[in-house]
Amino acid sequence: MSTFDKAKDTKVRSIIANVGENGKFFSVTFLNSKGDEREMNCRLGVKKHLVGGTRTYPTEAIGVYDCQVKGYRCFYPHKVLRVNGQSV
């Protein structure tokens, strides 16, 4: 990860922590693993459907609950394009 990516990573994590505080819904647009742009409406901190055990996604990724597919998803902060419509 380059210095630019680390700076973006920190910025995106900060923005998401602020907009997603207290379980608020937010939208995020990012590049998925295939390179396609994906938009997701999601929340942080949802625990209802967890079954226990260990985290199944990498520690670099941000885990959220996707409200459209009603399941947990993750994305990498350095691949985020927009949060709540605002470019990052």
Protein backbone atom coordinates (compact mmCIF):
# COMPACT_ATOMS: atom_id res chain seq x y z
CA MET A 1 0.00 0.00 0.00
CA SER A 2 1.47 3.37 -0.99
CA THR A 3 1.55 6.48 1.21
CA PHE A 4 -1.38 7.89 -0.77
CA ASP A 5 -3.45 4.77 -0.11
CA LYS A 6 -2.67 4.89 3.62
CA ALA A 7 -3.83 8.51 3.76
CA LYS A 8 -7.03 7.64 1.87
CA ASP A 9 -7.56 4.59 4.08
CA THR A 10 -7.40 6.75 7.21
CA LYS A 11 -9.66 9.42 5.70
CA VAL A 12 -12.31 6.91 4.57
CA ARG A 13 -12.32 5.10 7.93
CA SER A 14 -12.81 8.43 9.70
CA ILE A 15 -15.66 9.51 7.38
CA ILE A 16 -17.44 6.15 7.73
CA ALA A 17 -17.05 6.18 11.51
CA ASN A 18 -18.67 9.63 11.59
CA VAL A 19 -21.56 9.00 9.19
CA GLY A 20 -22.22 5.50 10.52
CA GLU A 21 -22.13 6.33 14.22
CA ASN A 22 -24.94 5.00 16.40
CA GLY A 23 -26.08 2.57 13.70
CA LYS A 24 -27.09 5.22 11.15
CA PHE A 25 -27.63 4.11 7.56
CA PHE A 26 -25.20 5.36 4.92
CA SER A 27 -24.35 4.62 1.31
CA VAL A 28 -20.92 3.75 0.01
CA THR A 29 -19.73 3.39 -3.58
CA PHE A 30 -16.58 1.37 -4.16
CA LEU A 31 -14.78 -0.82 -6.66
CA ASN A 32 -15.42 -4.49 -6.01
CA SER A 33 -12.89 -7.28 -6.51
CA LYS A 34 -13.78 -7.55 -10.22
CA GLY A 35 -13.19 -3.82 -10.72
CA ASP A 36 -16.88 -2.98 -11.13
CA GLU A 37 -18.42 -0.02 -9.32
CA ARG A 38 -20.87 -1.08 -6.60
CA GLU A 39 -23.15 1.01 -4.40
CA MET A 40 -24.32 -0.32 -1.08
CA ASN A 41 -26.73 0.99 1.56
CA CYS A 42 -25.40 -0.24 4.86
CA ARG A 43 -24.95 0.13 8.62
CA LEU A 44 -22.15 -0.38 11.07
CA GLY A 45 -22.54 -2.31 14.29
CA VAL A 46 -25.36 -4.72 13.36
CA LYS A 47 -25.08 -7.83 15.55
CA LYS A 48 -28.47 -9.51 15.04
CA HIS A 49 -27.47 -12.16 12.50
CA LEU A 50 -24.02 -13.03 13.83
CA VAL A 51 -23.46 -16.69 14.66
CA GLY A 52 -20.21 -16.33 16.58
CA GLY A 53 -16.72 -17.45 15.81
CA THR A 54 -13.96 -15.43 14.23
CA ARG A 55 -13.99 -12.71 11.63
CA THR A 56 -14.08 -14.14 8.09
CA TYR A 57 -12.88 -11.05 6.23
CA PRO A 58 -9.42 -9.41 6.27
CA THR A 59 -8.59 -6.92 9.01
CA GLU A 60 -7.87 -4.24 6.38
CA ALA A 61 -11.49 -4.39 5.18
CA ILE A 62 -14.47 -2.60 6.72
CA GLY A 63 -17.32 -4.94 7.64
CA VAL A 64 -20.90 -3.65 7.35
CA TYR A 65 -24.45 -4.98 7.15
CA ASP A 66 -25.84 -4.55 3.61
CA CYS A 67 -29.51 -3.60 3.96
CA GLN A 68 -30.43 -4.51 0.37
CA VAL A 69 -29.24 -8.12 0.44
CA LYS A 70 -29.75 -8.46 4.22
CA GLY A 71 -26.30 -9.83 4.87
CA TYR A 72 -22.83 -8.88 5.99
CA ARG A 73 -20.40 -7.54 3.39
CA CYS A 74 -16.99 -5.93 3.47
CA PHE A 75 -14.99 -3.54 1.31
CA TYR A 76 -11.52 -2.07 1.28
CA PRO A 77 -11.26 1.62 2.25
CA HIS A 78 -8.69 2.40 -0.46
CA LYS A 79 -11.25 1.31 -3.10
CA VAL A 80 -14.02 3.64 -1.88
CA LEU A 81 -15.13 6.27 -4.39
CA ARG A 82 -18.00 7.98 -2.53
CA VAL A 83 -19.65 8.00 0.90
CA ASN A 84 -23.20 9.38 1.01
CA GLY A 85 -22.67 10.80 -2.48
CA GLN A 86 -19.57 12.79 -1.49
CA SER A 87 -16.33 11.94 -3.28
CA VAL A 88 -13.40 10.91 -1.09
